[in-house]
Amino acid sequence: MSRRAAGLRAWLLQRISAVYLALFVVYYLLAGEAGGGYAAWRAWLAQPLPLLAMALFFIAVGIHAWVGMRDVIVDYVHHAGLRLLLLSIVGLVLLASLVWVFLALAEVSR
């Protein structure tokens, strides 16, 4: 894959994830239990479709954050070792955050 195609793929991932994030927020505000309290929110997430939509929301957040942070680090950190370290830290933090979110969603959906 050429460098130009990799940039296009990152650009598309950023835009697609942003669109999904915006659509999910609208969906949550219209169909979700935004003001109903914890019990209503938990009952809403006990249904399969909202739970899947919420999981996809957090995947999109992770993708969006990774592409954005990766681009900033690659553009502004010129030392290769430091760039690798920062990219590794960001990747591990995002991965740990996703694991934590999925464990929380699994607990809420029970």
PDB file of N, CA and C in Angstrom:
ATOM      1  N   MET A   1       0.851  -1.168   0.000  1.00  0.00           N
ATOM      2  CA  MET A   1       0.000   0.000   0.000  1.00  0.00           C
ATOM      3  C   MET A   1       0.897   1.231   0.000  1.00  0.00           C
ATOM      4  N   SER A   2       0.571   2.162  -0.833  1.00  0.00           N
ATOM      5  CA  SER A   2       1.383   3.375  -0.911  1.00  0.00           C
ATOM      6  C   SER A   2       1.092   4.296   0.269  1.00  0.00           C
ATOM      7  N   ARG A   3       2.006   5.218   0.509  1.00  0.00           N
ATOM      8  CA  ARG A   3       1.843   6.181   1.602  1.00  0.00           C
ATOM      9  C   ARG A   3       0.605   7.048   1.370  1.00  0.00           C
ATOM     10  N   ARG A   4       0.332   7.369   0.112  1.00  0.00           N
ATOM     11  CA  ARG A   4      -0.832   8.183  -0.226  1.00  0.00           C
ATOM     12  C   ARG A   4      -2.130   7.448   0.120  1.00  0.00           C
ATOM     13  N   ALA A   5      -2.181   6.144  -0.171  1.00  0.00           N
ATOM     14  CA  ALA A   5      -3.378   5.355   0.146  1.00  0.00           C
ATOM     15  C   ALA A   5      -3.557   5.221   1.652  1.00  0.00           C
ATOM     16  N   ALA A   6      -2.461   5.117   2.399  1.00  0.00           N
ATOM     17  CA  ALA A   6      -2.558   5.024   3.862  1.00  0.00           C
ATOM     18  C   ALA A   6      -3.145   6.314   4.430  1.00  0.00           C
ATOM     19  N   GLY A   7      -2.751   7.447   3.870  1.00  0.00           N
ATOM     20  CA  GLY A   7      -3.314   8.722   4.312  1.00  0.00           C
ATOM     21  C   GLY A   7      -4.793   8.826   4.003  1.00  0.00           C
ATOM     22  N   LEU A   8      -5.197   8.320   2.851  1.00  0.00           N
ATOM     23  CA  LEU A   8      -6.609   8.332   2.485  1.00  0.00           C
ATOM     24  C   LEU A   8      -7.409   7.431   3.420  1.00  0.00           C
ATOM     25  N   ARG A   9      -6.843   6.282   3.772  1.00  0.00           N
ATOM     26  CA  ARG A   9      -7.535   5.363   4.680  1.00  0.00           C
ATOM     27  C   ARG A   9      -7.727   6.000   6.055  1.00  0.00           C
ATOM     28  N   ALA A  10      -6.692   6.677   6.556  1.00  0.00           N
ATOM     29  CA  ALA A  10      -6.806   7.360   7.849  1.00  0.00           C
ATOM     30  C   ALA A  10      -7.841   8.478   7.773  1.00  0.00           C
ATOM     31  N   TRP A  11      -7.845   9.206   6.679  1.00  0.00           N
ATOM     32  CA  TRP A  11      -8.807  10.299   6.495  1.00  0.00           C
ATOM     33  C   TRP A  11     -10.235   9.738   6.489  1.00  0.00           C
ATOM     34  N   LEU A  12     -10.439   8.638   5.769  1.00  0.00           N
ATOM     35  CA  LEU A  12     -11.768   8.021   5.718  1.00  0.00           C
ATOM     36  C   LEU A  12     -12.195   7.489   7.084  1.00  0.00           C
ATOM     37  N   LEU A  13     -11.289   6.826   7.797  1.00  0.00           N
ATOM     38  CA  LEU A  13     -11.618   6.324   9.139  1.00  0.00           C
ATOM     39  C   LEU A  13     -12.025   7.470  10.057  1.00  0.00           C
ATOM     40  N   GLN A  14     -11.297   8.573   9.988  1.00  0.00           N
ATOM     41  CA  GLN A  14     -11.603   9.732  10.836  1.00  0.00           C
ATOM     42  C   GLN A  14     -12.999  10.273  10.508  1.00  0.00           C
ATOM     43  N   ARG A  15     -13.307  10.397   9.227  1.00  0.00           N
ATOM     44  CA  ARG A  15     -14.604  10.966   8.827  1.00  0.00           C
ATOM     45  C   ARG A  15     -15.755  10.016   9.117  1.00  0.00           C
ATOM     46  N   ILE A  16     -15.573   8.733   8.836  1.00  0.00           N
ATOM     47  CA  ILE A  16     -16.645   7.756   9.077  1.00  0.00           C
ATOM     48  C   ILE A  16     -16.924   7.644  10.569  1.00  0.00           C
ATOM     49  N   SER A  17     -15.879   7.607  11.372  1.00  0.00           N
ATOM     50  CA  SER A  17     -16.092   7.519  12.822  1.00  0.00           C
ATOM     51  C   SER A  17     -16.768   8.784  13.345  1.00  0.00           C
ATOM     52  N   ALA A  18     -16.421   9.944  12.815  1.00  0.00           N
ATOM     53  CA  ALA A  18     -17.056  11.192  13.247  1.00  0.00           C
ATOM     54  C   ALA A  18     -18.546  11.195  12.912  1.00  0.00           C
ATOM     55  N   VAL A  19     -18.890  10.711  11.734  1.00  0.00           N
ATOM     56  CA  VAL A  19     -20.304  10.650  11.343  1.00  0.00           C
ATOM     57  C   VAL A  19     -21.057   9.702  12.260  1.00  0.00           C
ATOM     58  N   TYR A  20     -20.478   8.533  12.554  1.00  0.00           N
ATOM     59  CA  TYR A  20     -21.145   7.590  13.454  1.00  0.00           C
ATOM     60  C   TYR A  20     -21.312   8.190  14.848  1.00  0.00           C
ATOM     61  N   LEU A  21     -20.291   8.865  15.341  1.00  0.00           N
ATOM     62  CA  LEU A  21     -20.382   9.480  16.670  1.00  0.00           C
ATOM     63  C   LEU A  21     -21.522  10.497  16.709  1.00  0.00           C
ATOM     64  N   ALA A  22     -21.625  11.311  15.681  1.00  0.00           N
ATOM     65  CA  ALA A  22     -22.695  12.315  15.646  1.00  0.00           C
ATOM     66  C   ALA A  22     -24.070  11.650  15.557  1.00  0.00           C
ATOM     67  N   LEU A  23     -24.185  10.627  14.709  1.00  0.00           N
ATOM     68  CA  LEU A  23     -25.472   9.934  14.575  1.00  0.00           C
ATOM     69  C   LEU A  23     -25.867   9.230  15.870  1.00  0.00           C
ATOM     70  N   PHE A  24     -24.889   8.640  16.561  1.00  0.00           N
ATOM     71  CA  PHE A  24     -25.198   7.968  17.814  1.00  0.00           C
ATOM     72  C   PHE A  24     -25.675   8.958  18.873  1.00  0.00           C
ATOM     73  N   VAL A  25     -25.052  10.112  18.940  1.00  0.00           N
ATOM     74  CA  VAL A  25     -25.482  11.119  19.923  1.00  0.00           C
ATOM     75  C   VAL A  25     -26.920  11.519  19.664  1.00  0.00           C
ATOM     76  N   VAL A  26     -27.282  11.722  18.400  1.00  0.00           N
ATOM     77  CA  VAL A  26     -28.673  12.050  18.063  1.00  0.00           C
ATOM     78  C   VAL A  26     -29.587  10.888  18.437  1.00  0.00           C
ATOM     79  N   TYR A  27     -29.187   9.656  18.093  1.00  0.00           N
ATOM     80  CA  TYR A  27     -29.968   8.466  18.437  1.00  0.00           C
ATOM     81  C   TYR A  27     -30.163   8.364  19.943  1.00  0.00           C
ATOM     82  N   TYR A  28     -29.096   8.584  20.697  1.00  0.00           N
ATOM     83  CA  TYR A  28     -29.177   8.480  22.157  1.00  0.00           C
ATOM     84  C   TYR A  28     -30.110   9.531  22.730  1.00  0.00           C
ATOM     85  N   LEU A  29     -30.025  10.733  22.216  1.00  0.00           N
ATOM     86  CA  LEU A  29     -30.883  11.796  22.737  1.00  0.00           C
ATOM     87  C   LEU A  29     -32.347  11.576  22.386  1.00  0.00           C
ATOM     88  N   LEU A  30     -32.614  10.981  21.227  1.00  0.00           N
ATOM     89  CA  LEU A  30     -33.998  10.748  20.806  1.00  0.00           C
ATOM     90  C   LEU A  30     -34.576   9.436  21.348  1.00  0.00           C
ATOM     91  N   ALA A  31     -33.796   8.362  21.277  1.00  0.00           N
ATOM     92  CA  ALA A  31     -34.329   7.046  21.642  1.00  0.00           C
ATOM     93  C   ALA A  31     -33.846   6.558  22.993  1.00  0.00           C
ATOM     94  N   GLY A  32     -32.775   7.127  23.465  1.00  0.00           N
ATOM     95  CA  GLY A  32     -32.189   6.648  24.708  1.00  0.00           C
ATOM     96  C   GLY A  32     -32.881   7.222  25.924  1.00  0.00           C
ATOM     97  N   GLU A  33     -32.309   6.911  27.042  1.00  0.00           N
ATOM     98  CA  GLU A  33     -32.835   7.368  28.319  1.00  0.00           C
ATOM     99  C   GLU A  33     -31.889   8.421  28.882  1.00  0.00           C
ATOM    100  N   ALA A  34     -31.716   9.512  28.131  1.00  0.00           N
ATOM    101  CA  ALA A  34     -30.735  10.535  28.499  1.00  0.00           C
ATOM    102  C   ALA A  34     -31.032  11.153  29.861  1.00  0.00           C
ATOM    103  N   GLY A  35     -32.285  11.323  30.211  1.00  0.00           N
ATOM    104  CA  GLY A  35     -32.608  11.948  31.485  1.00  0.00           C
ATOM    105  C   GLY A  35     -33.355  11.048  32.442  1.00  0.00           C
ATOM    106  N   GLY A  36     -33.375   9.753  32.186  1.00  0.00           N
ATOM    107  CA  GLY A  36     -34.191   8.846  32.975  1.00  0.00           C
ATOM    108  C   GLY A  36     -33.531   8.260  34.199  1.00  0.00           C
ATOM    109  N   GLY A  37     -32.255   8.510  34.407  1.00  0.00           N
ATOM    110  CA  GLY A  37     -31.582   7.953  35.564  1.00  0.00           C
ATOM    111  C   GLY A  37     -30.913   6.634  35.251  1.00  0.00           C
ATOM    112  N   TYR A  38     -30.214   6.112  36.242  1.00  0.00           N
ATOM    113  CA  TYR A  38     -29.417   4.895  36.061  1.00  0.00           C
ATOM    114  C   TYR A  38     -30.281   3.688  35.734  1.00  0.00           C
ATOM    115  N   ALA A  39     -31.396   3.526  36.403  1.00  0.00           N
ATOM    116  CA  ALA A  39     -32.240   2.341  36.172  1.00  0.00           C
ATOM    117  C   ALA A  39     -32.775   2.330  34.740  1.00  0.00           C
ATOM    118  N   ALA A  40     -33.214   3.480  34.252  1.00  0.00           N
ATOM    119  CA  ALA A  40     -33.720   3.559  32.883  1.00  0.00           C
ATOM    120  C   ALA A  40     -32.594   3.328  31.873  1.00  0.00           C
ATOM    121  N   TRP A  41     -31.423   3.870  32.166  1.00  0.00           N
ATOM    122  CA  TRP A  41     -30.276   3.698  31.282  1.00  0.00           C
ATOM    123  C   TRP A  41     -29.867   2.226  31.223  1.00  0.00           C
ATOM    124  N   ARG A  42     -29.855   1.565  32.374  1.00  0.00           N
ATOM    125  CA  ARG A  42     -29.479   0.153  32.426  1.00  0.00           C
ATOM    126  C   ARG A  42     -30.516  -0.704  31.691  1.00  0.00           C
ATOM    127  N   ALA A  43     -31.808  -0.387  31.851  1.00  0.00           N
ATOM    128  CA  ALA A  43     -32.857  -1.130  31.142  1.00  0.00           C
ATOM    129  C   ALA A  43     -32.732  -0.918  29.634  1.00  0.00           C
ATOM    130  N   TRP A  44     -32.374   0.291  29.232  1.00  0.00           N
ATOM    131  CA  TRP A  44     -32.204   0.590  27.813  1.00  0.00           C
ATOM    132  C   TRP A  44     -31.044  -0.224  27.237  1.00  0.00           C
ATOM    133  N   LEU A  45     -29.951  -0.328  27.992  1.00  0.00           N
ATOM    134  CA  LEU A  45     -28.792  -1.080  27.513  1.00  0.00           C
ATOM    135  C   LEU A  45     -28.977  -2.590  27.635  1.00  0.00           C
ATOM    136  N   ALA A  46     -30.001  -3.053  28.301  1.00  0.00           N
ATOM    137  CA  ALA A  46     -30.275  -4.487  28.374  1.00  0.00           C
ATOM    138  C   ALA A  46     -30.815  -5.014  27.045  1.00  0.00           C
ATOM    139  N   GLN A  47     -31.274  -4.116  26.190  1.00  0.00           N
ATOM    140  CA  GLN A  47     -31.758  -4.504  24.868  1.00  0.00           C
ATOM    141  C   GLN A  47     -30.561  -4.640  23.921  1.00  0.00           C
ATOM    142  N   PRO A  48     -30.619  -5.588  22.984  1.00  0.00           N
ATOM    143  CA  PRO A  48     -29.449  -5.857  22.138  1.00  0.00           C
ATOM    144  C   PRO A  48     -29.050  -4.697  21.211  1.00  0.00           C
ATOM    145  N   LEU A  49     -30.008  -4.037  20.580  1.00  0.00           N
ATOM    146  CA  LEU A  49     -29.665  -2.986  19.618  1.00  0.00           C
ATOM    147  C   LEU A  49     -28.982  -1.786  20.282  1.00  0.00           C
ATOM    148  N   PRO A  50     -29.518  -1.239  21.366  1.00  0.00           N
ATOM    149  CA  PRO A  50     -28.800  -0.138  22.016  1.00  0.00           C
ATOM    150  C   PRO A  50     -27.432  -0.542  22.554  1.00  0.00           C
ATOM    151  N   LEU A  51     -27.313  -1.770  23.039  1.00  0.00           N
ATOM    152  CA  LEU A  51     -26.028  -2.242  23.544  1.00  0.00           C
ATOM    153  C   LEU A  51     -25.009  -2.320  22.406  1.00  0.00           C
ATOM    154  N   LEU A  52     -25.415  -2.854  21.266  1.00  0.00           N
ATOM    155  CA  LEU A  52     -24.535  -2.924  20.102  1.00  0.00           C
ATOM    156  C   LEU A  52     -24.162  -1.528  19.620  1.00  0.00           C
ATOM    157  N   ALA A  53     -25.149  -0.628  19.569  1.00  0.00           N
ATOM    158  CA  ALA A  53     -24.879   0.743  19.141  1.00  0.00           C
ATOM    159  C   ALA A  53     -23.906   1.428  20.088  1.00  0.00           C
ATOM    160  N   MET A  54     -24.042   1.186  21.380  1.00  0.00           N
ATOM    161  CA  MET A  54     -23.131   1.780  22.366  1.00  0.00           C
ATOM    162  C   MET A  54     -21.726   1.194  22.210  1.00  0.00           C
ATOM    163  N   ALA A  55     -21.626  -0.107  21.993  1.00  0.00           N
ATOM    164  CA  ALA A  55     -20.311  -0.729  21.793  1.00  0.00           C
ATOM    165  C   ALA A  55     -19.640  -0.166  20.539  1.00  0.00           C
ATOM    166  N   LEU A  56     -20.410  -0.039  19.459  1.00  0.00           N
ATOM    167  CA  LEU A  56     -19.859   0.547  18.236  1.00  0.00           C
ATOM    168  C   LEU A  56     -19.467   2.008  18.437  1.00  0.00           C
ATOM    169  N   PHE A  57     -20.204   2.718  19.290  1.00  0.00           N
ATOM    170  CA  PHE A  57     -19.863   4.102  19.609  1.00  0.00           C
ATOM    171  C   PHE A  57     -18.467   4.172  20.224  1.00  0.00           C
ATOM    172  N   PHE A  58     -18.194   3.307  21.186  1.00  0.00           N
ATOM    173  CA  PHE A  58     -16.889   3.349  21.839  1.00  0.00           C
ATOM    174  C   PHE A  58     -15.775   2.849  20.927  1.00  0.00           C
ATOM    175  N   ILE A  59     -16.074   1.921  20.028  1.00  0.00           N
ATOM    176  CA  ILE A  59     -15.086   1.524  19.024  1.00  0.00           C
ATOM    177  C   ILE A  59     -14.774   2.715  18.122  1.00  0.00           C
ATOM    178  N   ALA A  60     -15.819   3.437  17.708  1.00  0.00           N
ATOM    179  CA  ALA A  60     -15.618   4.622  16.864  1.00  0.00           C
ATOM    180  C   ALA A  60     -14.827   5.695  17.608  1.00  0.00           C
ATOM    181  N   VAL A  61     -15.083   5.877  18.907  1.00  0.00           N
ATOM    182  CA  VAL A  61     -14.303   6.833  19.704  1.00  0.00           C
ATOM    183  C   VAL A  61     -12.831   6.421  19.703  1.00  0.00           C
ATOM    184  N   GLY A  62     -12.568   5.132  19.893  1.00  0.00           N
ATOM    185  CA  GLY A  62     -11.192   4.648  19.899  1.00  0.00           C
ATOM    186  C   GLY A  62     -10.497   4.859  18.564  1.00  0.00           C
ATOM    187  N   ILE A  63     -11.182   4.546  17.481  1.00  0.00           N
ATOM    188  CA  ILE A  63     -10.619   4.749  16.141  1.00  0.00           C
ATOM    189  C   ILE A  63     -10.363   6.226  15.899  1.00  0.00           C
ATOM    190  N   HIS A  64     -11.339   7.047  16.219  1.00  0.00           N
ATOM    191  CA  HIS A  64     -11.234   8.485  16.003  1.00  0.00           C
ATOM    192  C   HIS A  64     -10.059   9.063  16.798  1.00  0.00           C
ATOM    193  N   ALA A  65      -9.945   8.657  18.054  1.00  0.00           N
ATOM    194  CA  ALA A  65      -8.857   9.146  18.898  1.00  0.00           C
ATOM    195  C   ALA A  65      -7.501   8.643  18.392  1.00  0.00           C
ATOM    196  N   TRP A  66      -7.435   7.378  17.990  1.00  0.00           N
ATOM    197  CA  TRP A  66      -6.167   6.834  17.514  1.00  0.00           C
ATOM    198  C   TRP A  66      -5.687   7.570  16.266  1.00  0.00           C
ATOM    199  N   VAL A  67      -6.560   7.748  15.293  1.00  0.00           N
ATOM    200  CA  VAL A  67      -6.156   8.409  14.050  1.00  0.00           C
ATOM    201  C   VAL A  67      -5.719   9.847  14.335  1.00  0.00           C
ATOM    202  N   GLY A  68      -6.480  10.539  15.158  1.00  0.00           N
ATOM    203  CA  GLY A  68      -6.122  11.921  15.474  1.00  0.00           C
ATOM    204  C   GLY A  68      -4.810  12.031  16.218  1.00  0.00           C
ATOM    205  N   MET A  69      -4.630  11.235  17.250  1.00  0.00           N
ATOM    206  CA  MET A  69      -3.399  11.289  18.035  1.00  0.00           C
ATOM    207  C   MET A  69      -2.206  10.800  17.213  1.00  0.00           C
ATOM    208  N   ARG A  70      -2.415   9.769  16.423  1.00  0.00           N
ATOM    209  CA  ARG A  70      -1.333   9.264  15.580  1.00  0.00           C
ATOM    210  C   ARG A  70      -0.868  10.336  14.606  1.00  0.00           C
ATOM    211  N   ASP A  71      -1.802  11.033  13.975  1.00  0.00           N
ATOM    212  CA  ASP A  71      -1.433  12.076  13.021  1.00  0.00           C
ATOM    213  C   ASP A  71      -0.683  13.214  13.702  1.00  0.00           C
ATOM    214  N   VAL A  72      -1.134  13.623  14.883  1.00  0.00           N
ATOM    215  CA  VAL A  72      -0.447  14.695  15.608  1.00  0.00           C
ATOM    216  C   VAL A  72       0.955  14.265  15.998  1.00  0.00           C
ATOM    217  N   ILE A  73       1.097  13.052  16.529  1.00  0.00           N
ATOM    218  CA  ILE A  73       2.417  12.576  16.943  1.00  0.00           C
ATOM    219  C   ILE A  73       3.350  12.426  15.748  1.00  0.00           C
ATOM    220  N   VAL A  74       2.862  11.840  14.663  1.00  0.00           N
ATOM    221  CA  VAL A  74       3.706  11.657  13.477  1.00  0.00           C
ATOM    222  C   VAL A  74       4.114  13.001  12.883  1.00  0.00           C
ATOM    223  N   ASP A  75       3.220  13.979  12.900  1.00  0.00           N
ATOM    224  CA  ASP A  75       3.524  15.290  12.320  1.00  0.00           C
ATOM    225  C   ASP A  75       4.478  16.115  13.176  1.00  0.00           C
ATOM    226  N   TYR A  76       4.391  16.011  14.503  1.00  0.00           N
ATOM    227  CA  TYR A  76       5.118  16.940  15.361  1.00  0.00           C
ATOM    228  C   TYR A  76       6.242  16.336  16.185  1.00  0.00           C
ATOM    229  N   VAL A  77       6.333  15.021  16.284  1.00  0.00           N
ATOM    230  CA  VAL A  77       7.430  14.395  17.032  1.00  0.00           C
ATOM    231  C   VAL A  77       8.390  13.804  15.990  1.00  0.00           C
ATOM    232  N   HIS A  78       9.576  14.377  15.898  1.00  0.00           N
ATOM    233  CA  HIS A  78      10.492  14.001  14.827  1.00  0.00           C
ATOM    234  C   HIS A  78      11.510  12.943  15.240  1.00  0.00           C
ATOM    235  N   HIS A  79      11.753  12.790  16.507  1.00  0.00           N
ATOM    236  CA  HIS A  79      12.680  11.761  16.984  1.00  0.00           C
ATOM    237  C   HIS A  79      11.967  10.409  16.927  1.00  0.00           C
ATOM    238  N   ALA A  80      12.544   9.469  16.183  1.00  0.00           N
ATOM    239  CA  ALA A  80      11.878   8.183  15.926  1.00  0.00           C
ATOM    240  C   ALA A  80      11.608   7.394  17.209  1.00  0.00           C
ATOM    241  N   GLY A  81      12.544   7.378  18.128  1.00  0.00           N
ATOM    242  CA  GLY A  81      12.361   6.627  19.374  1.00  0.00           C
ATOM    243  C   GLY A  81      11.250   7.200  20.229  1.00  0.00           C
ATOM    244  N   LEU A  82      11.228   8.523  20.355  1.00  0.00           N
ATOM    245  CA  LEU A  82      10.186   9.184  21.125  1.00  0.00           C
ATOM    246  C   LEU A  82       8.821   9.005  20.463  1.00  0.00           C
ATOM    247  N   ARG A  83       8.805   9.080  19.132  1.00  0.00           N
ATOM    248  CA  ARG A  83       7.548   8.873  18.392  1.00  0.00           C
ATOM    249  C   ARG A  83       7.005   7.472  18.656  1.00  0.00           C
ATOM    250  N   LEU A  84       7.872   6.469  18.607  1.00  0.00           N
ATOM    251  CA  LEU A  84       7.442   5.086  18.867  1.00  0.00           C
ATOM    252  C   LEU A  84       6.931   4.933  20.292  1.00  0.00           C
ATOM    253  N   LEU A  85       7.627   5.546  21.244  1.00  0.00           N
ATOM    254  CA  LEU A  85       7.197   5.482  22.638  1.00  0.00           C
ATOM    255  C   LEU A  85       5.819   6.119  22.821  1.00  0.00           C
ATOM    256  N   LEU A  86       5.637   7.310  22.276  1.00  0.00           N
ATOM    257  CA  LEU A  86       4.352   7.998  22.423  1.00  0.00           C
ATOM    258  C   LEU A  86       3.220   7.242  21.730  1.00  0.00           C
ATOM    259  N   LEU A  87       3.491   6.726  20.538  1.00  0.00           N
ATOM    260  CA  LEU A  87       2.460   5.953  19.839  1.00  0.00           C
ATOM    261  C   LEU A  87       2.106   4.693  20.627  1.00  0.00           C
ATOM    262  N   SER A  88       3.093   4.060  21.226  1.00  0.00           N
ATOM    263  CA  SER A  88       2.838   2.866  22.043  1.00  0.00           C
ATOM    264  C   SER A  88       2.000   3.201  23.265  1.00  0.00           C
ATOM    265  N   ILE A  89       2.334   4.311  23.928  1.00  0.00           N
ATOM    266  CA  ILE A  89       1.566   4.715  25.112  1.00  0.00           C
ATOM    267  C   ILE A  89       0.128   5.032  24.743  1.00  0.00           C
ATOM    268  N   VAL A  90      -0.059   5.805  23.681  1.00  0.00           N
ATOM    269  CA  VAL A  90      -1.418   6.157  23.249  1.00  0.00           C
ATOM    270  C   VAL A  90      -2.191   4.900  22.874  1.00  0.00           C
ATOM    271  N   GLY A  91      -1.561   3.991  22.131  1.00  0.00           N
ATOM    272  CA  GLY A  91      -2.229   2.749  21.735  1.00  0.00           C
ATOM    273  C   GLY A  91      -2.622   1.906  22.928  1.00  0.00           C
ATOM    274  N   LEU A  92      -1.731   1.775  23.893  1.00  0.00           N
ATOM    275  CA  LEU A  92      -2.040   0.983  25.089  1.00  0.00           C
ATOM    276  C   LEU A  92      -3.140   1.615  25.930  1.00  0.00           C
ATOM    277  N   VAL A  93      -3.115   2.935  26.073  1.00  0.00           N
ATOM    278  CA  VAL A  93      -4.163   3.618  26.845  1.00  0.00           C
ATOM    279  C   VAL A  93      -5.515   3.453  26.159  1.00  0.00           C
ATOM    280  N   LEU A  94      -5.553   3.617  24.841  1.00  0.00           N
ATOM    281  CA  LEU A  94      -6.822   3.449  24.123  1.00  0.00           C
ATOM    282  C   LEU A  94      -7.313   2.006  24.191  1.00  0.00           C
ATOM    283  N   LEU A  95      -6.412   1.048  24.052  1.00  0.00           N
ATOM    284  CA  LEU A  95      -6.805  -0.354  24.134  1.00  0.00           C
ATOM    285  C   LEU A  95      -7.312  -0.703  25.530  1.00  0.00           C
ATOM    286  N   ALA A  96      -6.607  -0.236  26.555  1.00  0.00           N
ATOM    287  CA  ALA A  96      -7.059  -0.490  27.932  1.00  0.00           C
ATOM    288  C   ALA A  96      -8.411   0.165  28.187  1.00  0.00           C
ATOM    289  N   SER A  97      -8.613   1.341  27.643  1.00  0.00           N
ATOM    290  CA  SER A  97      -9.901   2.028  27.810  1.00  0.00           C
ATOM    291  C   SER A  97     -11.024   1.243  27.148  1.00  0.00           C
ATOM    292  N   LEU A  98     -10.771   0.712  25.952  1.00  0.00           N
ATOM    293  CA  LEU A  98     -11.795  -0.085  25.271  1.00  0.00           C
ATOM    294  C   LEU A  98     -12.112  -1.364  26.038  1.00  0.00           C
ATOM    295  N   VAL A  99     -11.094  -2.010  26.571  1.00  0.00           N
ATOM    296  CA  VAL A  99     -11.330  -3.223  27.364  1.00  0.00           C
ATOM    297  C   VAL A  99     -12.179  -2.872  28.580  1.00  0.00           C
ATOM    298  N   TRP A 100     -11.851  -1.779  29.259  1.00  0.00           N
ATOM    299  CA  TRP A 100     -12.610  -1.347  30.431  1.00  0.00           C
ATOM    300  C   TRP A 100     -14.063  -1.046  30.061  1.00  0.00           C
ATOM    301  N   VAL A 101     -14.278  -0.362  28.936  1.00  0.00           N
ATOM    302  CA  VAL A 101     -15.638  -0.038  28.498  1.00  0.00           C
ATOM    303  C   VAL A 101     -16.418  -1.313  28.205  1.00  0.00           C
ATOM    304  N   PHE A 102     -15.806  -2.265  27.527  1.00  0.00           N
ATOM    305  CA  PHE A 102     -16.523  -3.499  27.209  1.00  0.00           C
ATOM    306  C   PHE A 102     -16.828  -4.324  28.448  1.00  0.00           C
ATOM    307  N   LEU A 103     -15.939  -4.300  29.421  1.00  0.00           N
ATOM    308  CA  LEU A 103     -16.248  -4.969  30.685  1.00  0.00           C
ATOM    309  C   LEU A 103     -17.423  -4.277  31.397  1.00  0.00           C
ATOM    310  N   ALA A 104     -17.435  -2.950  31.356  1.00  0.00           N
ATOM    311  CA  ALA A 104     -18.548  -2.212  31.955  1.00  0.00           C
ATOM    312  C   ALA A 104     -19.859  -2.484  31.222  1.00  0.00           C
ATOM    313  N   LEU A 105     -19.819  -2.508  29.898  1.00  0.00           N
ATOM    314  CA  LEU A 105     -21.034  -2.803  29.127  1.00  0.00           C
ATOM    315  C   LEU A 105     -21.513  -4.233  29.372  1.00  0.00           C
ATOM    316  N   ALA A 106     -20.584  -5.163  29.517  1.00  0.00           N
ATOM    317  CA  ALA A 106     -20.975  -6.545  29.804  1.00  0.00           C
ATOM    318  C   ALA A 106     -21.652  -6.627  31.171  1.00  0.00           C
ATOM    319  N   GLU A 107     -21.152  -5.866  32.130  1.00  0.00           N
ATOM    320  CA  GLU A 107     -21.742  -5.860  33.471  1.00  0.00           C
ATOM    321  C   GLU A 107     -23.135  -5.219  33.452  1.00  0.00           C
ATOM    322  N   VAL A 108     -23.281  -4.129  32.735  1.00  0.00           N
ATOM    323  CA  VAL A 108     -24.563  -3.428  32.678  1.00  0.00           C
ATOM    324  C   VAL A 108     -25.612  -4.259  31.951  1.00  0.00           C
ATOM    325  N   SER A 109     -25.182  -5.010  30.941  1.00  0.00           N
ATOM    326  CA  SER A 109     -26.155  -5.756  30.137  1.00  0.00           C
ATOM    327  C   SER A 109     -26.657  -7.027  30.824  1.00  0.00           C
ATOM    328  N   ARG A 110     -26.080  -7.406  31.948  1.00  0.00           N
ATOM    329  CA  ARG A 110     -26.546  -8.619  32.650  1.00  0.00           C
ATOM    330  C   ARG A 110     -27.866  -8.429  33.304  1.00  0.00           C
TER     331      ARG A 110
END
